Amino acid sequence: LVFDTFKNKPVSRVPVGFWFHYTPNEILSAYDKPEMREQNI
């Protein structure tokens, strides 16, 4: 569905995509805050 949309092909429905950050403060470094990696996963 997504790759056909990328190619401007007709699709059965319009895909929907949203995203957000998964850690309390995403700008910090996982090397200072190792727990960020598991929070992200």
PDB file of all heavy atoms in Angstrom:
ATOM      1  N   LEU A   1       0.833  -1.202   0.000  1.00  0.00           N
ATOM      2  CA  LEU A   1       0.000   0.000   0.000  1.00  0.00           C
ATOM      3  C   LEU A   1       0.871   1.257   0.000  1.00  0.00           C
ATOM      4  O   LEU A   1       0.656   2.185  -0.798  1.00  0.00           O
ATOM      5  CB  LEU A   1      -0.909  -0.007   1.225  1.00  0.00           C
ATOM      6  CG  LEU A   1      -1.784   1.232   1.444  1.00  0.00           C
ATOM      7  CD1 LEU A   1      -2.888   1.291   0.399  1.00  0.00           C
ATOM      8  CD2 LEU A   1      -2.391   1.209   2.851  1.00  0.00           C
ATOM      9  N   VAL A   2       1.862   1.300   0.870  1.00  0.00           N
ATOM     10  CA  VAL A   2       2.726   2.484   0.992  1.00  0.00           C
ATOM     11  C   VAL A   2       3.617   2.640  -0.230  1.00  0.00           C
ATOM     12  O   VAL A   2       3.735   3.742  -0.799  1.00  0.00           O
ATOM     13  CB  VAL A   2       3.561   2.408   2.286  1.00  0.00           C
ATOM     14  CG1 VAL A   2       4.637   3.493   2.305  1.00  0.00           C
ATOM     15  CG2 VAL A   2       2.657   2.544   3.497  1.00  0.00           C
ATOM     16  N   PHE A   3       4.225   1.559  -0.674  1.00  0.00           N
ATOM     17  CA  PHE A   3       5.148   1.674  -1.812  1.00  0.00           C
ATOM     18  C   PHE A   3       4.397   1.996  -3.106  1.00  0.00           C
ATOM     19  O   PHE A   3       4.927   2.700  -3.971  1.00  0.00           O
ATOM     20  CB  PHE A   3       5.960   0.391  -1.964  1.00  0.00           C
ATOM     21  CG  PHE A   3       6.913   0.143  -0.821  1.00  0.00           C
ATOM     22  CD1 PHE A   3       7.336  -1.140  -0.506  1.00  0.00           C
ATOM     23  CD2 PHE A   3       7.377   1.191  -0.043  1.00  0.00           C
ATOM     24  CE1 PHE A   3       8.209  -1.366   0.544  1.00  0.00           C
ATOM     25  CE2 PHE A   3       8.256   0.978   1.012  1.00  0.00           C
ATOM     26  CZ  PHE A   3       8.669  -0.305   1.304  1.00  0.00           C
ATOM     27  N   ASP A   4       3.170   1.488  -3.257  1.00  0.00           N
ATOM     28  CA  ASP A   4       2.366   1.863  -4.429  1.00  0.00           C
ATOM     29  C   ASP A   4       1.988   3.340  -4.362  1.00  0.00           C
ATOM     30  O   ASP A   4       1.952   4.027  -5.399  1.00  0.00           O
ATOM     31  CB  ASP A   4       1.104   1.002  -4.506  1.00  0.00           C
ATOM     32  CG  ASP A   4       1.363  -0.383  -5.079  1.00  0.00           C
ATOM     33  OD1 ASP A   4       2.491  -0.625  -5.555  1.00  0.00           O
ATOM     34  OD2 ASP A   4       0.441  -1.230  -5.054  1.00  0.00           O
ATOM     35  N   THR A   5       1.718   3.839  -3.169  1.00  0.00           N
ATOM     36  CA  THR A   5       1.424   5.266  -3.013  1.00  0.00           C
ATOM     37  C   THR A   5       2.636   6.099  -3.386  1.00  0.00           C
ATOM     38  O   THR A   5       2.513   7.146  -4.045  1.00  0.00           O
ATOM     39  CB  THR A   5       0.992   5.574  -1.564  1.00  0.00           C
ATOM     40  OG1 THR A   5      -0.187   4.817  -1.261  1.00  0.00           O
ATOM     41  CG2 THR A   5       0.683   7.050  -1.384  1.00  0.00           C
ATOM     42  N   PHE A   6       3.819   5.657  -2.985  1.00  0.00           N
ATOM     43  CA  PHE A   6       5.041   6.353  -3.367  1.00  0.00           C
ATOM     44  C   PHE A   6       5.175   6.455  -4.885  1.00  0.00           C
ATOM     45  O   PHE A   6       5.738   7.428  -5.403  1.00  0.00           O
ATOM     46  CB  PHE A   6       6.267   5.600  -2.814  1.00  0.00           C
ATOM     47  CG  PHE A   6       6.544   5.830  -1.356  1.00  0.00           C
ATOM     48  CD1 PHE A   6       7.607   5.171  -0.746  1.00  0.00           C
ATOM     49  CD2 PHE A   6       5.780   6.687  -0.586  1.00  0.00           C
ATOM     50  CE1 PHE A   6       7.903   5.380   0.599  1.00  0.00           C
ATOM     51  CE2 PHE A   6       6.049   6.892   0.755  1.00  0.00           C
ATOM     52  CZ  PHE A   6       7.115   6.237   1.347  1.00  0.00           C
ATOM     53  N   LYS A   7       4.674   5.442  -5.585  1.00  0.00           N
ATOM     54  CA  LYS A   7       4.779   5.405  -7.053  1.00  0.00           C
ATOM     55  C   LYS A   7       3.598   6.089  -7.734  1.00  0.00           C
ATOM     56  O   LYS A   7       3.464   6.030  -8.957  1.00  0.00           O
ATOM     57  CB  LYS A   7       4.859   3.952  -7.523  1.00  0.00           C
ATOM     58  CG  LYS A   7       6.104   3.218  -7.051  1.00  0.00           C
ATOM     59  CD  LYS A   7       6.039   1.745  -7.442  1.00  0.00           C
ATOM     60  CE  LYS A   7       7.220   0.959  -6.895  1.00  0.00           C
ATOM     61  NZ  LYS A   7       7.103  -0.494  -7.195  1.00  0.00           N
ATOM     62  N   ASN A   8       2.726   6.728  -6.934  1.00  0.00           N
ATOM     63  CA  ASN A   8       1.527   7.385  -7.469  1.00  0.00           C
ATOM     64  C   ASN A   8       0.592   6.406  -8.174  1.00  0.00           C
ATOM     65  O   ASN A   8      -0.108   6.765  -9.132  1.00  0.00           O
ATOM     66  CB  ASN A   8       1.903   8.531  -8.425  1.00  0.00           C
ATOM     67  CG  ASN A   8       2.386   9.759  -7.681  1.00  0.00           C
ATOM     68  OD1 ASN A   8       1.709  10.272  -6.784  1.00  0.00           O
ATOM     69  ND2 ASN A   8       3.559  10.245  -8.049  1.00  0.00           N
ATOM     70  N   LYS A   9       0.580   5.164  -7.693  1.00  0.00           N
ATOM     71  CA  LYS A   9      -0.348   4.177  -8.226  1.00  0.00           C
ATOM     72  C   LYS A   9      -1.688   4.275  -7.503  1.00  0.00           C
ATOM     73  O   LYS A   9      -1.745   4.703  -6.342  1.00  0.00           O
ATOM     74  CB  LYS A   9       0.216   2.764  -8.045  1.00  0.00           C
ATOM     75  CG  LYS A   9       1.404   2.425  -8.916  1.00  0.00           C
ATOM     76  CD  LYS A   9       1.802   0.962  -8.715  1.00  0.00           C
ATOM     77  CE  LYS A   9       2.923   0.544  -9.643  1.00  0.00           C
ATOM     78  NZ  LYS A   9       3.279  -0.894  -9.461  1.00  0.00           N
ATOM     79  N   PRO A  10      -2.783   3.889  -8.147  1.00  0.00           N
ATOM     80  CA  PRO A  10      -4.071   3.837  -7.449  1.00  0.00           C
ATOM     81  C   PRO A  10      -3.993   2.830  -6.302  1.00  0.00           C
ATOM     82  O   PRO A  10      -3.387   1.763  -6.443  1.00  0.00           O
ATOM     83  CB  PRO A  10      -5.050   3.358  -8.525  1.00  0.00           C
ATOM     84  CG  PRO A  10      -4.374   3.665  -9.829  1.00  0.00           C
ATOM     85  CD  PRO A  10      -2.905   3.522  -9.573  1.00  0.00           C
ATOM     86  N   VAL A  11      -4.579   3.171  -5.162  1.00  0.00           N
ATOM     87  CA  VAL A  11      -4.547   2.279  -3.996  1.00  0.00           C
ATOM     88  C   VAL A  11      -5.961   2.105  -3.447  1.00  0.00           C
ATOM     89  O   VAL A  11      -6.854   2.917  -3.696  1.00  0.00           O
ATOM     90  CB  VAL A  11      -3.619   2.832  -2.893  1.00  0.00           C
ATOM     91  CG1 VAL A  11      -2.166   2.731  -3.319  1.00  0.00           C
ATOM     92  CG2 VAL A  11      -3.956   4.270  -2.547  1.00  0.00           C
ATOM     93  N   SER A  12      -6.147   1.021  -2.695  1.00  0.00           N
ATOM     94  CA  SER A  12      -7.471   0.707  -2.161  1.00  0.00           C
ATOM     95  C   SER A  12      -7.920   1.698  -1.099  1.00  0.00           C
ATOM     96  O   SER A  12      -9.111   1.912  -0.899  1.00  0.00           O
ATOM     97  CB  SER A  12      -7.468  -0.710  -1.577  1.00  0.00           C
ATOM     98  OG  SER A  12      -6.482  -0.832  -0.559  1.00  0.00           O
ATOM     99  N   ARG A  13      -6.962   2.287  -0.387  1.00  0.00           N
ATOM    100  CA  ARG A  13      -7.266   3.325   0.594  1.00  0.00           C
ATOM    101  C   ARG A  13      -6.033   4.194   0.776  1.00  0.00           C
ATOM    102  O   ARG A  13      -4.906   3.769   0.491  1.00  0.00           O
ATOM    103  CB  ARG A  13      -7.683   2.722   1.931  1.00  0.00           C
ATOM    104  CG  ARG A  13      -6.604   1.917   2.637  1.00  0.00           C
ATOM    105  CD  ARG A  13      -7.074   1.409   3.989  1.00  0.00           C
ATOM    106  NE  ARG A  13      -6.047   0.618   4.662  1.00  0.00           N
ATOM    107  CZ  ARG A  13      -5.073   1.136   5.407  1.00  0.00           C
ATOM    108  NH1 ARG A  13      -4.999   2.459   5.567  1.00  0.00           N
ATOM    109  NH2 ARG A  13      -4.187   0.364   5.985  1.00  0.00           N
ATOM    110  N   VAL A  14      -6.229   5.405   1.251  1.00  0.00           N
ATOM    111  CA  VAL A  14      -5.122   6.323   1.472  1.00  0.00           C
ATOM    112  C   VAL A  14      -4.400   5.935   2.766  1.00  0.00           C
ATOM    113  O   VAL A  14      -5.034   5.831   3.824  1.00  0.00           O
ATOM    114  CB  VAL A  14      -5.630   7.779   1.564  1.00  0.00           C
ATOM    115  CG1 VAL A  14      -4.508   8.719   1.982  1.00  0.00           C
ATOM    116  CG2 VAL A  14      -6.224   8.214   0.232  1.00  0.00           C
ATOM    117  N   PRO A  15      -3.093   5.706   2.708  1.00  0.00           N
ATOM    118  CA  PRO A  15      -2.361   5.360   3.937  1.00  0.00           C
ATOM    119  C   PRO A  15      -2.336   6.530   4.920  1.00  0.00           C
ATOM    120  O   PRO A  15      -2.478   7.697   4.539  1.00  0.00           O
ATOM    121  CB  PRO A  15      -0.946   5.044   3.433  1.00  0.00           C
ATOM    122  CG  PRO A  15      -1.064   4.893   1.956  1.00  0.00           C
ATOM    123  CD  PRO A  15      -2.224   5.723   1.533  1.00  0.00           C
ATOM    124  N   VAL A  16      -2.115   6.181   6.173  1.00  0.00           N
ATOM    125  CA  VAL A  16      -2.050   7.175   7.245  1.00  0.00           C
ATOM    126  C   VAL A  16      -0.762   6.933   8.030  1.00  0.00           C
ATOM    127  O   VAL A  16      -0.453   5.791   8.383  1.00  0.00           O
ATOM    128  CB  VAL A  16      -3.272   7.057   8.176  1.00  0.00           C
ATOM    129  CG1 VAL A  16      -3.113   7.934   9.406  1.00  0.00           C
ATOM    130  CG2 VAL A  16      -4.544   7.428   7.416  1.00  0.00           C
ATOM    131  N   GLY A  17      -0.008   7.997   8.287  1.00  0.00           N
ATOM    132  CA  GLY A  17       1.234   7.850   9.030  1.00  0.00           C
ATOM    133  C   GLY A  17       1.459   8.978  10.023  1.00  0.00           C
ATOM    134  O   GLY A  17       1.453  10.153   9.642  1.00  0.00           O
ATOM    135  N   PHE A  18       1.625   8.633  11.280  1.00  0.00           N
ATOM    136  CA  PHE A  18       1.950   9.611  12.321  1.00  0.00           C
ATOM    137  C   PHE A  18       3.100   9.067  13.152  1.00  0.00           C
ATOM    138  O   PHE A  18       3.322   7.859  13.219  1.00  0.00           O
ATOM    139  CB  PHE A  18       0.739   9.865  13.230  1.00  0.00           C
ATOM    140  CG  PHE A  18      -0.433  10.494  12.523  1.00  0.00           C
ATOM    141  CD1 PHE A  18      -1.510   9.723  12.110  1.00  0.00           C
ATOM    142  CD2 PHE A  18      -0.453  11.856  12.263  1.00  0.00           C
ATOM    143  CE1 PHE A  18      -2.591  10.289  11.454  1.00  0.00           C
ATOM    144  CE2 PHE A  18      -1.524  12.437  11.604  1.00  0.00           C
ATOM    145  CZ  PHE A  18      -2.603  11.656  11.197  1.00  0.00           C
ATOM    146  N   TRP A  19       3.832   9.965  13.814  1.00  0.00           N
ATOM    147  CA  TRP A  19       4.965   9.525  14.632  1.00  0.00           C
ATOM    148  C   TRP A  19       5.212  10.533  15.733  1.00  0.00           C
ATOM    149  O   TRP A  19       4.793  11.681  15.667  1.00  0.00           O
ATOM    150  CB  TRP A  19       6.220   9.365  13.766  1.00  0.00           C
ATOM    151  CG  TRP A  19       6.415  10.501  12.825  1.00  0.00           C
ATOM    152  CD1 TRP A  19       7.040  11.700  13.067  1.00  0.00           C
ATOM    153  CD2 TRP A  19       5.946  10.579  11.464  1.00  0.00           C
ATOM    154  NE1 TRP A  19       6.992  12.501  11.965  1.00  0.00           N
ATOM    155  CE2 TRP A  19       6.323  11.840  10.956  1.00  0.00           C
ATOM    156  CE3 TRP A  19       5.257   9.683  10.628  1.00  0.00           C
ATOM    157  CZ2 TRP A  19       6.033  12.242   9.650  1.00  0.00           C
ATOM    158  CZ3 TRP A  19       4.967  10.098   9.342  1.00  0.00           C
ATOM    159  CH2 TRP A  19       5.353  11.355   8.868  1.00  0.00           C
ATOM    160  N   PHE A  20       5.914  10.066  16.763  1.00  0.00           N
ATOM    161  CA  PHE A  20       6.252  10.925  17.896  1.00  0.00           C
ATOM    162  C   PHE A  20       7.456  10.313  18.599  1.00  0.00           C
ATOM    163  O   PHE A  20       7.912   9.232  18.262  1.00  0.00           O
ATOM    164  CB  PHE A  20       5.074  11.064  18.873  1.00  0.00           C
ATOM    165  CG  PHE A  20       4.324   9.806  19.118  1.00  0.00           C
ATOM    166  CD1 PHE A  20       4.757   8.875  20.045  1.00  0.00           C
ATOM    167  CD2 PHE A  20       3.181   9.523  18.389  1.00  0.00           C
ATOM    168  CE1 PHE A  20       4.074   7.707  20.264  1.00  0.00           C
ATOM    169  CE2 PHE A  20       2.490   8.342  18.591  1.00  0.00           C
ATOM    170  CZ  PHE A  20       2.927   7.428  19.527  1.00  0.00           C
ATOM    171  N   HIS A  21       7.982  11.026  19.579  1.00  0.00           N
ATOM    172  CA  HIS A  21       9.143  10.543  20.318  1.00  0.00           C
ATOM    173  C   HIS A  21       8.692   9.654  21.471  1.00  0.00           C
ATOM    174  O   HIS A  21       7.619   9.834  22.028  1.00  0.00           O
ATOM    175  CB  HIS A  21       9.968  11.719  20.821  1.00  0.00           C
ATOM    176  CG  HIS A  21      10.527  12.564  19.721  1.00  0.00           C
ATOM    177  ND1 HIS A  21      11.564  12.136  18.921  1.00  0.00           N
ATOM    178  CD2 HIS A  21      10.185  13.802  19.271  1.00  0.00           C
ATOM    179  CE1 HIS A  21      11.831  13.070  18.027  1.00  0.00           C
ATOM    180  NE2 HIS A  21      11.014  14.090  18.221  1.00  0.00           N
ATOM    181  N   TYR A  22       9.557   8.713  21.832  1.00  0.00           N
ATOM    182  CA  TYR A  22       9.190   7.710  22.829  1.00  0.00           C
ATOM    183  C   TYR A  22       9.951   7.857  24.143  1.00  0.00           C
ATOM    184  O   TYR A  22       9.801   7.023  25.027  1.00  0.00           O
ATOM    185  CB  TYR A  22       9.440   6.308  22.259  1.00  0.00           C
ATOM    186  CG  TYR A  22       8.633   6.024  21.010  1.00  0.00           C
ATOM    187  CD1 TYR A  22       9.233   6.030  19.753  1.00  0.00           C
ATOM    188  CD2 TYR A  22       7.271   5.756  21.092  1.00  0.00           C
ATOM    189  CE1 TYR A  22       8.494   5.769  18.606  1.00  0.00           C
ATOM    190  CE2 TYR A  22       6.528   5.496  19.955  1.00  0.00           C
ATOM    191  CZ  TYR A  22       7.143   5.510  18.717  1.00  0.00           C
ATOM    192  OH  TYR A  22       6.410   5.265  17.587  1.00  0.00           O
ATOM    193  N   THR A  23      10.774   8.886  24.259  1.00  0.00           N
ATOM    194  CA  THR A  23      11.543   9.100  25.480  1.00  0.00           C
ATOM    195  C   THR A  23      11.145  10.432  26.104  1.00  0.00           C
ATOM    196  O   THR A  23      10.662  11.323  25.404  1.00  0.00           O
ATOM    197  CB  THR A  23      13.053   9.099  25.177  1.00  0.00           C
ATOM    198  OG1 THR A  23      13.333  10.126  24.214  1.00  0.00           O
ATOM    199  CG2 THR A  23      13.496   7.757  24.635  1.00  0.00           C
ATOM    200  N   PRO A  24      11.346  10.592  27.425  1.00  0.00           N
ATOM    201  CA  PRO A  24      10.941  11.836  28.086  1.00  0.00           C
ATOM    202  C   PRO A  24      11.606  13.081  27.505  1.00  0.00           C
ATOM    203  O   PRO A  24      10.980  14.137  27.397  1.00  0.00           O
ATOM    204  CB  PRO A  24      11.360  11.612  29.543  1.00  0.00           C
ATOM    205  CG  PRO A  24      11.343  10.130  29.717  1.00  0.00           C
ATOM    206  CD  PRO A  24      11.811   9.581  28.401  1.00  0.00           C
ATOM    207  N   ASN A  25      12.876  12.972  27.128  1.00  0.00           N
ATOM    208  CA  ASN A  25      13.592  14.100  26.528  1.00  0.00           C
ATOM    209  C   ASN A  25      14.493  13.559  25.431  1.00  0.00           C
ATOM    210  O   ASN A  25      15.622  13.147  25.674  1.00  0.00           O
ATOM    211  CB  ASN A  25      14.400  14.857  27.574  1.00  0.00           C
ATOM    212  CG  ASN A  25      14.999  16.145  27.022  1.00  0.00           C
ATOM    213  OD1 ASN A  25      15.013  16.369  25.813  1.00  0.00           O
ATOM    214  ND2 ASN A  25      15.495  16.997  27.906  1.00  0.00           N
ATOM    215  N   GLU A  26      13.976  13.561  24.210  1.00  0.00           N
ATOM    216  CA  GLU A  26      14.645  12.898  23.098  1.00  0.00           C
ATOM    217  C   GLU A  26      15.970  13.541  22.707  1.00  0.00           C
ATOM    218  O   GLU A  26      16.802  12.924  22.051  1.00  0.00           O
ATOM    219  CB  GLU A  26      13.715  12.849  21.883  1.00  0.00           C
ATOM    220  CG  GLU A  26      13.320  14.198  21.300  1.00  0.00           C
ATOM    221  CD  GLU A  26      12.137  14.849  22.001  1.00  0.00           C
ATOM    222  OE1 GLU A  26      11.585  14.242  22.945  1.00  0.00           O
ATOM    223  OE2 GLU A  26      11.757  15.969  21.604  1.00  0.00           O
ATOM    224  N   ILE A  27      16.201  14.782  23.098  1.00  0.00           N
ATOM    225  CA  ILE A  27      17.407  15.483  22.694  1.00  0.00           C
ATOM    226  C   ILE A  27      18.623  15.029  23.497  1.00  0.00           C
ATOM    227  O   ILE A  27      19.762  15.266  23.116  1.00  0.00           O
ATOM    228  CB  ILE A  27      17.214  17.009  22.823  1.00  0.00           C
ATOM    229  CG1 ILE A  27      18.245  17.760  21.964  1.00  0.00           C
ATOM    230  CG2 ILE A  27      17.274  17.447  24.260  1.00  0.00           C
ATOM    231  CD1 ILE A  27      18.046  17.599  20.488  1.00  0.00           C
ATOM    232  N   LEU A  28      18.400  14.353  24.617  1.00  0.00           N
ATOM    233  CA  LEU A  28      19.505  13.870  25.442  1.00  0.00           C
ATOM    234  C   LEU A  28      20.213  12.699  24.752  1.00  0.00           C
ATOM    235  O   LEU A  28      19.705  12.126  23.790  1.00  0.00           O
ATOM    236  CB  LEU A  28      19.002  13.445  26.819  1.00  0.00           C
ATOM    237  CG  LEU A  28      18.360  14.543  27.670  1.00  0.00           C
ATOM    238  CD1 LEU A  28      17.877  13.974  28.991  1.00  0.00           C
ATOM    239  CD2 LEU A  28      19.331  15.706  27.900  1.00  0.00           C
ATOM    240  N   SER A  29      21.385  12.349  25.258  1.00  0.00           N
ATOM    241  CA  SER A  29      22.169  11.273  24.661  1.00  0.00           C
ATOM    242  C   SER A  29      21.976   9.965  25.410  1.00  0.00           C
ATOM    243  O   SER A  29      21.987   9.929  26.649  1.00  0.00           O
ATOM    244  CB  SER A  29      23.652  11.651  24.675  1.00  0.00           C
ATOM    245  OG  SER A  29      24.454  10.545  24.306  1.00  0.00           O
ATOM    246  N   ALA A  30      21.830   8.893  24.658  1.00  0.00           N
ATOM    247  CA  ALA A  30      21.719   7.566  25.271  1.00  0.00           C
ATOM    248  C   ALA A  30      23.015   7.156  25.953  1.00  0.00           C
ATOM    249  O   ALA A  30      23.018   6.232  26.772  1.00  0.00           O
ATOM    250  CB  ALA A  30      21.345   6.531  24.210  1.00  0.00           C
ATOM    251  N   TYR A  31      24.111   7.847  25.642  1.00  0.00           N
ATOM    252  CA  TYR A  31      25.380   7.547  26.306  1.00  0.00           C
ATOM    253  C   TYR A  31      25.442   8.192  27.687  1.00  0.00           C
ATOM    254  O   TYR A  31      26.231   7.779  28.535  1.00  0.00           O
ATOM    255  CB  TYR A  31      26.545   7.988  25.425  1.00  0.00           C
ATOM    256  CG  TYR A  31      26.518   7.264  24.101  1.00  0.00           C
ATOM    257  CD1 TYR A  31      26.128   7.923  22.933  1.00  0.00           C
ATOM    258  CD2 TYR A  31      26.803   5.908  24.027  1.00  0.00           C
ATOM    259  CE1 TYR A  31      26.054   7.248  21.723  1.00  0.00           C
ATOM    260  CE2 TYR A  31      26.732   5.220  22.830  1.00  0.00           C
ATOM    261  CZ  TYR A  31      26.353   5.895  21.679  1.00  0.00           C
ATOM    262  OH  TYR A  31      26.254   5.220  20.478  1.00  0.00           O
ATOM    263  N   ASP A  32      24.603   9.186  27.905  1.00  0.00           N
ATOM    264  CA  ASP A  32      24.450   9.774  29.236  1.00  0.00           C
ATOM    265  C   ASP A  32      23.257   9.173  29.974  1.00  0.00           C
ATOM    266  O   ASP A  32      23.252   9.083  31.202  1.00  0.00           O
ATOM    267  CB  ASP A  32      24.257  11.294  29.130  1.00  0.00           C
ATOM    268  CG  ASP A  32      25.463  11.995  28.527  1.00  0.00           C
ATOM    269  OD1 ASP A  32      26.591  11.549  28.806  1.00  0.00           O
ATOM    270  OD2 ASP A  32      25.272  12.961  27.762  1.00  0.00           O
ATOM    271  N   LYS A  33      22.251   8.769  29.202  1.00  0.00           N
ATOM    272  CA  LYS A  33      21.021   8.202  29.753  1.00  0.00           C
ATOM    273  C   LYS A  33      20.759   6.851  29.085  1.00  0.00           C
ATOM    274  O   LYS A  33      19.936   6.747  28.159  1.00  0.00           O
ATOM    275  CB  LYS A  33      19.842   9.145  29.500  1.00  0.00           C
ATOM    276  CG  LYS A  33      19.979  10.533  30.096  1.00  0.00           C
ATOM    277  CD  LYS A  33      19.670  10.519  31.582  1.00  0.00           C
ATOM    278  CE  LYS A  33      19.654  11.922  32.166  1.00  0.00           C
ATOM    279  NZ  LYS A  33      19.380  11.904  33.616  1.00  0.00           N
ATOM    280  N   PRO A  34      21.438   5.783  29.510  1.00  0.00           N
ATOM    281  CA  PRO A  34      21.307   4.479  28.850  1.00  0.00           C
ATOM    282  C   PRO A  34      19.880   3.944  28.801  1.00  0.00           C
ATOM    283  O   PRO A  34      19.538   3.160  27.904  1.00  0.00           O
ATOM    284  CB  PRO A  34      22.206   3.571  29.696  1.00  0.00           C
ATOM    285  CG  PRO A  34      23.180   4.490  30.351  1.00  0.00           C
ATOM    286  CD  PRO A  34      22.422   5.751  30.606  1.00  0.00           C
ATOM    287  N   GLU A  35      19.037   4.363  29.755  1.00  0.00           N
ATOM    288  CA  GLU A  35      17.657   3.883  29.776  1.00  0.00           C
ATOM    289  C   GLU A  35      16.853   4.338  28.552  1.00  0.00           C
ATOM    290  O   GLU A  35      15.803   3.774  28.238  1.00  0.00           O
ATOM    291  CB  GLU A  35      16.957   4.336  31.056  1.00  0.00           C
ATOM    292  CG  GLU A  35      16.754   5.833  31.206  1.00  0.00           C
ATOM    293  CD  GLU A  35      17.928   6.558  31.868  1.00  0.00           C
ATOM    294  OE1 GLU A  35      19.031   5.975  31.922  1.00  0.00           O
ATOM    295  OE2 GLU A  35      17.737   7.694  32.320  1.00  0.00           O
ATOM    296  N   MET A  36      17.352   5.364  27.844  1.00  0.00           N
ATOM    297  CA  MET A  36      16.634   5.873  26.679  1.00  0.00           C
ATOM    298  C   MET A  36      16.467   4.804  25.602  1.00  0.00           C
ATOM    299  O   MET A  36      15.457   4.781  24.901  1.00  0.00           O
ATOM    300  CB  MET A  36      17.353   7.092  26.095  1.00  0.00           C
ATOM    301  CG  MET A  36      17.292   8.331  26.965  1.00  0.00           C
ATOM    302  SD  MET A  36      18.158   9.730  26.201  1.00  0.00           S
ATOM    303  CE  MET A  36      17.043  10.128  24.834  1.00  0.00           C
ATOM    304  N   ARG A  37      17.455   3.958  25.453  1.00  0.00           N
ATOM    305  CA  ARG A  37      17.394   2.945  24.396  1.00  0.00           C
ATOM    306  C   ARG A  37      16.210   2.014  24.606  1.00  0.00           C
ATOM    307  O   ARG A  37      15.422   1.770  23.677  1.00  0.00           O
ATOM    308  CB  ARG A  37      18.696   2.158  24.343  1.00  0.00           C
ATOM    309  CG  ARG A  37      18.750   1.163  23.183  1.00  0.00           C
ATOM    310  CD  ARG A  37      20.070   0.419  23.182  1.00  0.00           C
ATOM    311  NE  ARG A  37      20.120  -0.570  22.126  1.00  0.00           N
ATOM    312  CZ  ARG A  37      20.619  -0.381  20.915  1.00  0.00           C
ATOM    313  NH1 ARG A  37      21.112   0.800  20.586  1.00  0.00           N
ATOM    314  NH2 ARG A  37      20.639  -1.357  20.011  1.00  0.00           N
ATOM    315  N   GLU A  38      16.027   1.502  25.810  1.00  0.00           N
ATOM    316  CA  GLU A  38      14.917   0.601  26.077  1.00  0.00           C
ATOM    317  C   GLU A  38      13.590   1.340  26.016  1.00  0.00           C
ATOM    318  O   GLU A  38      12.578   0.787  25.568  1.00  0.00           O
ATOM    319  CB  GLU A  38      15.093  -0.076  27.430  1.00  0.00           C
ATOM    320  CG  GLU A  38      14.017  -1.115  27.732  1.00  0.00           C
ATOM    321  CD  GLU A  38      13.836  -2.141  26.622  1.00  0.00           C
ATOM    322  OE1 GLU A  38      14.846  -2.625  26.065  1.00  0.00           O
ATOM    323  OE2 GLU A  38      12.666  -2.451  26.288  1.00  0.00           O
ATOM    324  N   GLN A  39      13.564   2.599  26.462  1.00  0.00           N
ATOM    325  CA  GLN A  39      12.340   3.400  26.359  1.00  0.00           C
ATOM    326  C   GLN A  39      11.941   3.560  24.898  1.00  0.00           C
ATOM    327  O   GLN A  39      10.753   3.474  24.549  1.00  0.00           O
ATOM    328  CB  GLN A  39      12.558   4.776  26.994  1.00  0.00           C
ATOM    329  CG  GLN A  39      12.690   4.772  28.503  1.00  0.00           C
ATOM    330  CD  GLN A  39      13.173   6.109  29.048  1.00  0.00           C
ATOM    331  OE1 GLN A  39      13.682   6.965  28.313  1.00  0.00           O
ATOM    332  NE2 GLN A  39      13.032   6.302  30.350  1.00  0.00           N
ATOM    333  N   ASN A  40      12.913   3.786  24.059  1.00  0.00           N
ATOM    334  CA  ASN A  40      12.659   3.963  22.633  1.00  0.00           C
ATOM    335  C   ASN A  40      12.126   2.674  22.019  1.00  0.00           C
ATOM    336  O   ASN A  40      11.124   2.676  21.280  1.00  0.00           O
ATOM    337  CB  ASN A  40      13.955   4.400  21.946  1.00  0.00           C
ATOM    338  CG  ASN A  40      13.732   5.004  20.574  1.00  0.00           C
ATOM    339  OD1 ASN A  40      12.618   5.352  20.201  1.00  0.00           O
ATOM    340  ND2 ASN A  40      14.801   5.145  19.814  1.00  0.00           N
ATOM    341  N   ILE A  41      12.765   1.552  22.319  1.00  0.00           N
ATOM    342  CA  ILE A  41      12.345   0.267  21.762  1.00  0.00           C
ATOM    343  C   ILE A  41      10.943  -0.099  22.240  1.00  0.00           C
ATOM    344  O   ILE A  41      10.065  -0.457  21.436  1.00  0.00           O
ATOM    345  CB  ILE A  41      13.351  -0.837  22.139  1.00  0.00           C
ATOM    346  CG1 ILE A  41      14.686  -0.609  21.420  1.00  0.00           C
ATOM    347  CG2 ILE A  41      12.791  -2.224  21.798  1.00  0.00           C
ATOM    348  CD1 ILE A  41      15.806  -1.517  21.885  1.00  0.00           C
TER     349      ILE A  41
END
